[in-house]
Amino acid sequence: MTTTMTTTLTPSQHPAHARSGAEKIARGTLQEAGELAVLSDASGATRHRYALVIAFDSEEALRQAVTHHRCAYRDGQHVQELTHG
């Protein structure tokens, strides 16, 4: 399986610019696992043989996960089907 994902973070979204205050754990859904190709304007394509694809319900939830280096997730439907045959 190969999945292509493009993510662009502005400087204010980068983990080095973490905001002070209470740290939240963003919630995501594990959608897929396997080989992943990540495309970015800065570095082009980078392939990862072992990767997880986690989807968030909002851009804010994604920002929280990146900013705080924390994420909790639940298995998506496809992952449940793969693990429970």
PDB file of N, CA and C in Angstrom:
ATOM      1  N   MET A   1       0.840  -1.170   0.000  1.00  0.00           N
ATOM      2  CA  MET A   1       0.000   0.000   0.000  1.00  0.00           C
ATOM      3  C   MET A   1       0.889   1.237   0.000  1.00  0.00           C
ATOM      4  N   THR A   2       0.588   2.179  -0.860  1.00  0.00           N
ATOM      5  CA  THR A   2       1.287   3.452  -0.870  1.00  0.00           C
ATOM      6  C   THR A   2       0.255   4.555  -0.755  1.00  0.00           C
ATOM      7  N   THR A   3       0.457   5.444   0.188  1.00  0.00           N
ATOM      8  CA  THR A   3      -0.426   6.576   0.399  1.00  0.00           C
ATOM      9  C   THR A   3       0.384   7.838   0.216  1.00  0.00           C
ATOM     10  N   THR A   4      -0.194   8.828  -0.441  1.00  0.00           N
ATOM     11  CA  THR A   4       0.482  10.106  -0.600  1.00  0.00           C
ATOM     12  C   THR A   4      -0.247  11.141   0.223  1.00  0.00           C
ATOM     13  N   MET A   5       0.503  11.897   1.017  1.00  0.00           N
ATOM     14  CA  MET A   5      -0.078  12.909   1.889  1.00  0.00           C
ATOM     15  C   MET A   5       0.745  14.172   1.780  1.00  0.00           C
ATOM     16  N   THR A   6       0.084  15.300   1.657  1.00  0.00           N
ATOM     17  CA  THR A   6       0.777  16.578   1.616  1.00  0.00           C
ATOM     18  C   THR A   6       0.361  17.395   2.822  1.00  0.00           C
ATOM     19  N   THR A   7       1.325  17.856   3.595  1.00  0.00           N
ATOM     20  CA  THR A   7       1.054  18.695   4.756  1.00  0.00           C
ATOM     21  C   THR A   7       2.005  19.871   4.728  1.00  0.00           C
ATOM     22  N   THR A   8       1.477  21.064   4.847  1.00  0.00           N
ATOM     23  CA  THR A   8       2.302  22.259   4.904  1.00  0.00           C
ATOM     24  C   THR A   8       2.014  22.969   6.211  1.00  0.00           C
ATOM     25  N   LEU A   9       3.038  23.179   7.020  1.00  0.00           N
ATOM     26  CA  LEU A   9       2.885  23.881   8.289  1.00  0.00           C
ATOM     27  C   LEU A   9       3.468  25.278   8.154  1.00  0.00           C
ATOM     28  N   THR A  10       2.733  26.259   8.623  1.00  0.00           N
ATOM     29  CA  THR A  10       3.270  27.608   8.673  1.00  0.00           C
ATOM     30  C   THR A  10       4.228  27.687   9.849  1.00  0.00           C
ATOM     31  N   PRO A  11       5.114  28.692   9.900  1.00  0.00           N
ATOM     32  CA  PRO A  11       6.042  28.784  11.031  1.00  0.00           C
ATOM     33  C   PRO A  11       5.356  28.752  12.393  1.00  0.00           C
ATOM     34  N   SER A  12       4.175  29.354  12.516  1.00  0.00           N
ATOM     35  CA  SER A  12       3.492  29.373  13.815  1.00  0.00           C
ATOM     36  C   SER A  12       2.943  28.007  14.199  1.00  0.00           C
ATOM     37  N   GLN A  13       2.815  27.074  13.244  1.00  0.00           N
ATOM     38  CA  GLN A  13       2.321  25.732  13.534  1.00  0.00           C
ATOM     39  C   GLN A  13       3.448  24.777  13.916  1.00  0.00           C
ATOM     40  N   HIS A  14       4.678  25.154  13.700  1.00  0.00           N
ATOM     41  CA  HIS A  14       5.809  24.264  13.941  1.00  0.00           C
ATOM     42  C   HIS A  14       5.981  24.020  15.437  1.00  0.00           C
ATOM     43  N   PRO A  15       6.374  22.792  15.838  1.00  0.00           N
ATOM     44  CA  PRO A  15       6.530  22.472  17.262  1.00  0.00           C
ATOM     45  C   PRO A  15       7.457  23.417  18.019  1.00  0.00           C
ATOM     46  N   ALA A  16       8.437  23.999  17.357  1.00  0.00           N
ATOM     47  CA  ALA A  16       9.357  24.913  18.040  1.00  0.00           C
ATOM     48  C   ALA A  16       8.653  26.163  18.534  1.00  0.00           C
ATOM     49  N   HIS A  17       7.467  26.438  18.004  1.00  0.00           N
ATOM     50  CA  HIS A  17       6.709  27.624  18.394  1.00  0.00           C
ATOM     51  C   HIS A  17       5.542  27.251  19.299  1.00  0.00           C
ATOM     52  N   ALA A  18       5.762  26.275  20.173  1.00  0.00           N
ATOM     53  CA  ALA A  18       4.690  25.807  21.057  1.00  0.00           C
ATOM     54  C   ALA A  18       4.168  26.950  21.920  1.00  0.00           C
ATOM     55  N   ARG A  19       2.851  26.974  22.059  1.00  0.00           N
ATOM     56  CA  ARG A  19       2.214  27.998  22.894  1.00  0.00           C
ATOM     57  C   ARG A  19       2.249  27.557  24.347  1.00  0.00           C
ATOM     58  N   SER A  20       2.316  28.532  25.240  1.00  0.00           N
ATOM     59  CA  SER A  20       2.273  28.197  26.659  1.00  0.00           C
ATOM     60  C   SER A  20       0.834  27.921  27.065  1.00  0.00           C
ATOM     61  N   GLY A  21       0.651  27.353  28.212  1.00  0.00           N
ATOM     62  CA  GLY A  21      -0.695  27.068  28.708  1.00  0.00           C
ATOM     63  C   GLY A  21      -0.914  25.575  28.840  1.00  0.00           C
ATOM     64  N   ALA A  22      -2.142  25.214  29.120  1.00  0.00           N
ATOM     65  CA  ALA A  22      -2.480  23.812  29.338  1.00  0.00           C
ATOM     66  C   ALA A  22      -2.274  23.007  28.063  1.00  0.00           C
ATOM     67  N   GLU A  23      -1.635  21.871  28.197  1.00  0.00           N
ATOM     68  CA  GLU A  23      -1.363  21.012  27.060  1.00  0.00           C
ATOM     69  C   GLU A  23      -2.552  20.084  26.835  1.00  0.00           C
ATOM     70  N   LYS A  24      -3.064  20.045  25.610  1.00  0.00           N
ATOM     71  CA  LYS A  24      -4.180  19.179  25.275  1.00  0.00           C
ATOM     72  C   LYS A  24      -3.675  18.004  24.464  1.00  0.00           C
ATOM     73  N   ILE A  25      -4.359  16.886  24.590  1.00  0.00           N
ATOM     74  CA  ILE A  25      -4.056  15.735  23.762  1.00  0.00           C
ATOM     75  C   ILE A  25      -5.054  15.729  22.618  1.00  0.00           C
ATOM     76  N   ALA A  26      -4.543  15.879  21.399  1.00  0.00           N
ATOM     77  CA  ALA A  26      -5.411  15.861  20.228  1.00  0.00           C
ATOM     78  C   ALA A  26      -5.874  14.431  19.964  1.00  0.00           C
ATOM     79  N   ARG A  27      -7.081  14.273  19.454  1.00  0.00           N
ATOM     80  CA  ARG A  27      -7.645  12.961  19.156  1.00  0.00           C
ATOM     81  C   ARG A  27      -7.679  12.764  17.649  1.00  0.00           C
ATOM     82  N   GLY A  28      -7.164  11.631  17.197  1.00  0.00           N
ATOM     83  CA  GLY A  28      -7.157  11.329  15.772  1.00  0.00           C
ATOM     84  C   GLY A  28      -7.654   9.918  15.543  1.00  0.00           C
ATOM     85  N   THR A  29      -7.824   9.560  14.277  1.00  0.00           N
ATOM     86  CA  THR A  29      -8.268   8.230  13.890  1.00  0.00           C
ATOM     87  C   THR A  29      -7.180   7.582  13.054  1.00  0.00           C
ATOM     88  N   LEU A  30      -6.718   6.409  13.452  1.00  0.00           N
ATOM     89  CA  LEU A  30      -5.738   5.671  12.684  1.00  0.00           C
ATOM     90  C   LEU A  30      -6.438   5.118  11.445  1.00  0.00           C
ATOM     91  N   GLN A  31      -6.099   5.673  10.279  1.00  0.00           N
ATOM     92  CA  GLN A  31      -6.782   5.308   9.047  1.00  0.00           C
ATOM     93  C   GLN A  31      -6.096   4.172   8.294  1.00  0.00           C
ATOM     94  N   GLU A  32      -4.771   4.157   8.335  1.00  0.00           N
ATOM     95  CA  GLU A  32      -4.031   3.197   7.527  1.00  0.00           C
ATOM     96  C   GLU A  32      -2.632   3.028   8.087  1.00  0.00           C
ATOM     97  N   ALA A  33      -2.005   1.932   7.773  1.00  0.00           N
ATOM     98  CA  ALA A  33      -0.619   1.694   8.158  1.00  0.00           C
ATOM     99  C   ALA A  33       0.086   1.016   6.991  1.00  0.00           C
ATOM    100  N   GLY A  34       1.351   1.321   6.819  1.00  0.00           N
ATOM    101  CA  GLY A  34       2.107   0.725   5.723  1.00  0.00           C
ATOM    102  C   GLY A  34       3.093   1.716   5.159  1.00  0.00           C
ATOM    103  N   GLU A  35       3.398   1.581   3.876  1.00  0.00           N
ATOM    104  CA  GLU A  35       4.344   2.478   3.222  1.00  0.00           C
ATOM    105  C   GLU A  35       3.666   3.809   2.913  1.00  0.00           C
ATOM    106  N   LEU A  36       4.417   4.885   3.109  1.00  0.00           N
ATOM    107  CA  LEU A  36       3.856   6.223   2.960  1.00  0.00           C
ATOM    108  C   LEU A  36       4.832   7.109   2.207  1.00  0.00           C
ATOM    109  N   ALA A  37       4.332   7.875   1.242  1.00  0.00           N
ATOM    110  CA  ALA A  37       5.137   8.890   0.559  1.00  0.00           C
ATOM    111  C   ALA A  37       4.612  10.248   0.990  1.00  0.00           C
ATOM    112  N   VAL A  38       5.480  11.063   1.568  1.00  0.00           N
ATOM    113  CA  VAL A  38       5.101  12.402   2.025  1.00  0.00           C
ATOM    114  C   VAL A  38       5.680  13.409   1.047  1.00  0.00           C
ATOM    115  N   LEU A  39       4.838  14.315   0.554  1.00  0.00           N
ATOM    116  CA  LEU A  39       5.268  15.345  -0.382  1.00  0.00           C
ATOM    117  C   LEU A  39       5.273  16.688   0.317  1.00  0.00           C
ATOM    118  N   SER A  40       6.350  17.448   0.157  1.00  0.00           N
ATOM    119  CA  SER A  40       6.390  18.792   0.715  1.00  0.00           C
ATOM    120  C   SER A  40       7.090  19.722  -0.264  1.00  0.00           C
ATOM    121  N   ASP A  41       6.746  20.992  -0.206  1.00  0.00           N
ATOM    122  CA  ASP A  41       7.371  21.980  -1.074  1.00  0.00           C
ATOM    123  C   ASP A  41       8.862  22.094  -0.782  1.00  0.00           C
ATOM    124  N   ALA A  42       9.241  21.933   0.480  1.00  0.00           N
ATOM    125  CA  ALA A  42      10.633  22.130   0.884  1.00  0.00           C
ATOM    126  C   ALA A  42      11.541  20.977   0.480  1.00  0.00           C
ATOM    127  N   SER A  43      11.078  19.730   0.659  1.00  0.00           N
ATOM    128  CA  SER A  43      11.981  18.594   0.443  1.00  0.00           C
ATOM    129  C   SER A  43      11.519  17.606  -0.621  1.00  0.00           C
ATOM    130  N   GLY A  44      10.415  17.875  -1.290  1.00  0.00           N
ATOM    131  CA  GLY A  44       9.929  16.933  -2.296  1.00  0.00           C
ATOM    132  C   GLY A  44       9.341  15.694  -1.664  1.00  0.00           C
ATOM    133  N   ALA A  45       9.516  14.551  -2.324  1.00  0.00           N
ATOM    134  CA  ALA A  45       8.942  13.293  -1.834  1.00  0.00           C
ATOM    135  C   ALA A  45       9.913  12.575  -0.903  1.00  0.00           C
ATOM    136  N   THR A  46       9.386  12.096   0.207  1.00  0.00           N
ATOM    137  CA  THR A  46      10.144  11.266   1.141  1.00  0.00           C
ATOM    138  C   THR A  46       9.318  10.019   1.400  1.00  0.00           C
ATOM    139  N   ARG A  47       9.909   8.855   1.219  1.00  0.00           N
ATOM    140  CA  ARG A  47       9.180   7.603   1.413  1.00  0.00           C
ATOM    141  C   ARG A  47       9.507   7.010   2.782  1.00  0.00           C
ATOM    142  N   HIS A  48       8.480   6.495   3.431  1.00  0.00           N
ATOM    143  CA  HIS A  48       8.629   5.841   4.732  1.00  0.00           C
ATOM    144  C   HIS A  48       8.024   4.445   4.600  1.00  0.00           C
ATOM    145  N   ARG A  49       8.828   3.426   4.838  1.00  0.00           N
ATOM    146  CA  ARG A  49       8.351   2.057   4.671  1.00  0.00           C
ATOM    147  C   ARG A  49       7.358   1.660   5.756  1.00  0.00           C
ATOM    148  N   TYR A  50       7.580   2.120   6.977  1.00  0.00           N
ATOM    149  CA  TYR A  50       6.690   1.787   8.094  1.00  0.00           C
ATOM    150  C   TYR A  50       6.103   3.078   8.619  1.00  0.00           C
ATOM    151  N   ALA A  51       4.826   3.292   8.391  1.00  0.00           N
ATOM    152  CA  ALA A  51       4.206   4.564   8.757  1.00  0.00           C
ATOM    153  C   ALA A  51       2.747   4.347   9.139  1.00  0.00           C
ATOM    154  N   LEU A  52       2.222   5.305   9.887  1.00  0.00           N
ATOM    155  CA  LEU A  52       0.809   5.329  10.241  1.00  0.00           C
ATOM    156  C   LEU A  52       0.194   6.593   9.662  1.00  0.00           C
ATOM    157  N   VAL A  53      -1.024   6.496   9.182  1.00  0.00           N
ATOM    158  CA  VAL A  53      -1.760   7.663   8.708  1.00  0.00           C
ATOM    159  C   VAL A  53      -2.848   7.941   9.739  1.00  0.00           C
ATOM    160  N   ILE A  54      -2.738   9.072  10.412  1.00  0.00           N
ATOM    161  CA  ILE A  54      -3.709   9.459  11.425  1.00  0.00           C
ATOM    162  C   ILE A  54      -4.435  10.697  10.931  1.00  0.00           C
ATOM    163  N   ALA A  55      -5.764  10.639  10.894  1.00  0.00           N
ATOM    164  CA  ALA A  55      -6.582  11.748  10.419  1.00  0.00           C
ATOM    165  C   ALA A  55      -7.222  12.450  11.606  1.00  0.00           C
ATOM    166  N   PHE A  56      -7.328  13.771  11.515  1.00  0.00           N
ATOM    167  CA  PHE A  56      -7.926  14.580  12.570  1.00  0.00           C
ATOM    168  C   PHE A  56      -9.224  15.196  12.070  1.00  0.00           C
ATOM    169  N   ASP A  57     -10.134  15.466  12.990  1.00  0.00           N
ATOM    170  CA  ASP A  57     -11.427  16.047  12.632  1.00  0.00           C
ATOM    171  C   ASP A  57     -11.340  17.517  12.259  1.00  0.00           C
ATOM    172  N   SER A  58     -10.246  18.164  12.657  1.00  0.00           N
ATOM    173  CA  SER A  58     -10.112  19.592  12.351  1.00  0.00           C
ATOM    174  C   SER A  58      -8.640  19.973  12.229  1.00  0.00           C
ATOM    175  N   GLU A  59      -8.392  21.101  11.584  1.00  0.00           N
ATOM    176  CA  GLU A  59      -7.033  21.607  11.478  1.00  0.00           C
ATOM    177  C   GLU A  59      -6.496  21.971  12.858  1.00  0.00           C
ATOM    178  N   GLU A  60      -7.356  22.450  13.740  1.00  0.00           N
ATOM    179  CA  GLU A  60      -6.932  22.808  15.098  1.00  0.00           C
ATOM    180  C   GLU A  60      -6.445  21.577  15.860  1.00  0.00           C
ATOM    181  N   ALA A  61      -7.136  20.441  15.717  1.00  0.00           N
ATOM    182  CA  ALA A  61      -6.704  19.211  16.381  1.00  0.00           C
ATOM    183  C   ALA A  61      -5.343  18.767  15.852  1.00  0.00           C
ATOM    184  N   LEU A  62      -5.120  18.903  14.551  1.00  0.00           N
ATOM    185  CA  LEU A  62      -3.810  18.588  13.970  1.00  0.00           C
ATOM    186  C   LEU A  62      -2.735  19.506  14.533  1.00  0.00           C
ATOM    187  N   ARG A  63      -3.031  20.785  14.616  1.00  0.00           N
ATOM    188  CA  ARG A  63      -2.067  21.746  15.178  1.00  0.00           C
ATOM    189  C   ARG A  63      -1.702  21.382  16.618  1.00  0.00           C
ATOM    190  N   GLN A  64      -2.705  21.009  17.411  1.00  0.00           N
ATOM    191  CA  GLN A  64      -2.447  20.644  18.805  1.00  0.00           C
ATOM    192  C   GLN A  64      -1.520  19.433  18.881  1.00  0.00           C
ATOM    193  N   ALA A  65      -1.759  18.441  18.050  1.00  0.00           N
ATOM    194  CA  ALA A  65      -0.921  17.239  18.061  1.00  0.00           C
ATOM    195  C   ALA A  65       0.511  17.570  17.680  1.00  0.00           C
ATOM    196  N   VAL A  66       0.696  18.409  16.671  1.00  0.00           N
ATOM    197  CA  VAL A  66       2.041  18.783  16.228  1.00  0.00           C
ATOM    198  C   VAL A  66       2.716  19.673  17.265  1.00  0.00           C
ATOM    199  N   THR A  67       1.999  20.664  17.756  1.00  0.00           N
ATOM    200  CA  THR A  67       2.572  21.611  18.706  1.00  0.00           C
ATOM    201  C   THR A  67       3.005  20.939  19.997  1.00  0.00           C
ATOM    202  N   HIS A  68       2.176  20.046  20.512  1.00  0.00           N
ATOM    203  CA  HIS A  68       2.443  19.441  21.812  1.00  0.00           C
ATOM    204  C   HIS A  68       3.099  18.063  21.716  1.00  0.00           C
ATOM    205  N   HIS A  69       3.362  17.601  20.498  1.00  0.00           N
ATOM    206  CA  HIS A  69       3.978  16.283  20.298  1.00  0.00           C
ATOM    207  C   HIS A  69       3.173  15.190  20.993  1.00  0.00           C
ATOM    208  N   ARG A  70       1.849  15.326  21.029  1.00  0.00           N
ATOM    209  CA  ARG A  70       1.001  14.342  21.689  1.00  0.00           C
ATOM    210  C   ARG A  70      -0.234  14.073  20.855  1.00  0.00           C
ATOM    211  N   CYS A  71      -0.606  12.807  20.794  1.00  0.00           N
ATOM    212  CA  CYS A  71      -1.812  12.419  20.071  1.00  0.00           C
ATOM    213  C   CYS A  71      -2.316  11.098  20.625  1.00  0.00           C
ATOM    214  N   ALA A  72      -3.609  11.011  20.830  1.00  0.00           N
ATOM    215  CA  ALA A  72      -4.257   9.745  21.150  1.00  0.00           C
ATOM    216  C   ALA A  72      -5.095   9.382  19.928  1.00  0.00           C
ATOM    217  N   TYR A  73      -5.188   8.098  19.606  1.00  0.00           N
ATOM    218  CA  TYR A  73      -5.961   7.735  18.428  1.00  0.00           C
ATOM    219  C   TYR A  73      -6.795   6.492  18.676  1.00  0.00           C
ATOM    220  N   ARG A  74      -7.788   6.320  17.815  1.00  0.00           N
ATOM    221  CA  ARG A  74      -8.595   5.106  17.808  1.00  0.00           C
ATOM    222  C   ARG A  74      -8.466   4.498  16.424  1.00  0.00           C
ATOM    223  N   ASP A  75      -8.645   3.197  16.321  1.00  0.00           N
ATOM    224  CA  ASP A  75      -8.544   2.533  15.027  1.00  0.00           C
ATOM    225  C   ASP A  75      -9.712   2.927  14.132  1.00  0.00           C
ATOM    226  N   GLY A  76      -9.414   3.243  12.880  1.00  0.00           N
ATOM    227  CA  GLY A  76     -10.439   3.496  11.881  1.00  0.00           C
ATOM    228  C   GLY A  76     -11.049   2.178  11.415  1.00  0.00           C
ATOM    229  N   GLN A  77     -12.105   2.235  10.641  1.00  0.00           N
ATOM    230  CA  GLN A  77     -12.821   1.046  10.180  1.00  0.00           C
ATOM    231  C   GLN A  77     -11.906   0.096   9.415  1.00  0.00           C
ATOM    232  N   HIS A  78     -11.090   0.612   8.508  1.00  0.00           N
ATOM    233  CA  HIS A  78     -10.210  -0.236   7.710  1.00  0.00           C
ATOM    234  C   HIS A  78      -9.188  -0.956   8.591  1.00  0.00           C
ATOM    235  N   VAL A  79      -8.637  -0.270   9.554  1.00  0.00           N
ATOM    236  CA  VAL A  79      -7.652  -0.870  10.456  1.00  0.00           C
ATOM    237  C   VAL A  79      -8.322  -1.943  11.313  1.00  0.00           C
ATOM    238  N   GLN A  80      -9.536  -1.689  11.783  1.00  0.00           N
ATOM    239  CA  GLN A  80     -10.263  -2.697  12.562  1.00  0.00           C
ATOM    240  C   GLN A  80     -10.477  -3.959  11.736  1.00  0.00           C
ATOM    241  N   GLU A  81     -10.832  -3.785  10.453  1.00  0.00           N
ATOM    242  CA  GLU A  81     -11.053  -4.934   9.580  1.00  0.00           C
ATOM    243  C   GLU A  81      -9.766  -5.717   9.362  1.00  0.00           C
ATOM    244  N   LEU A  82      -8.636  -5.017   9.243  1.00  0.00           N
ATOM    245  CA  LEU A  82      -7.364  -5.705   9.043  1.00  0.00           C
ATOM    246  C   LEU A  82      -6.930  -6.478  10.280  1.00  0.00           C
ATOM    247  N   THR A  83      -7.159  -5.934  11.455  1.00  0.00           N
ATOM    248  CA  THR A  83      -6.685  -6.574  12.682  1.00  0.00           C
ATOM    249  C   THR A  83      -7.629  -7.647  13.222  1.00  0.00           C
ATOM    250  N   HIS A  84      -8.892  -7.586  12.826  1.00  0.00           N
ATOM    251  CA  HIS A  84      -9.863  -8.549  13.339  1.00  0.00           C
ATOM    252  C   HIS A  84     -10.396  -9.484  12.247  1.00  0.00           C
ATOM    253  N   GLY A  85      -9.712  -9.446  11.106  1.00  0.00           N
ATOM    254  CA  GLY A  85      -9.967 -10.349   9.995  1.00  0.00           C
ATOM    255  C   GLY A  85     -11.359 -10.510   9.573  1.00  0.00           C
TER     256      GLY A  85
END
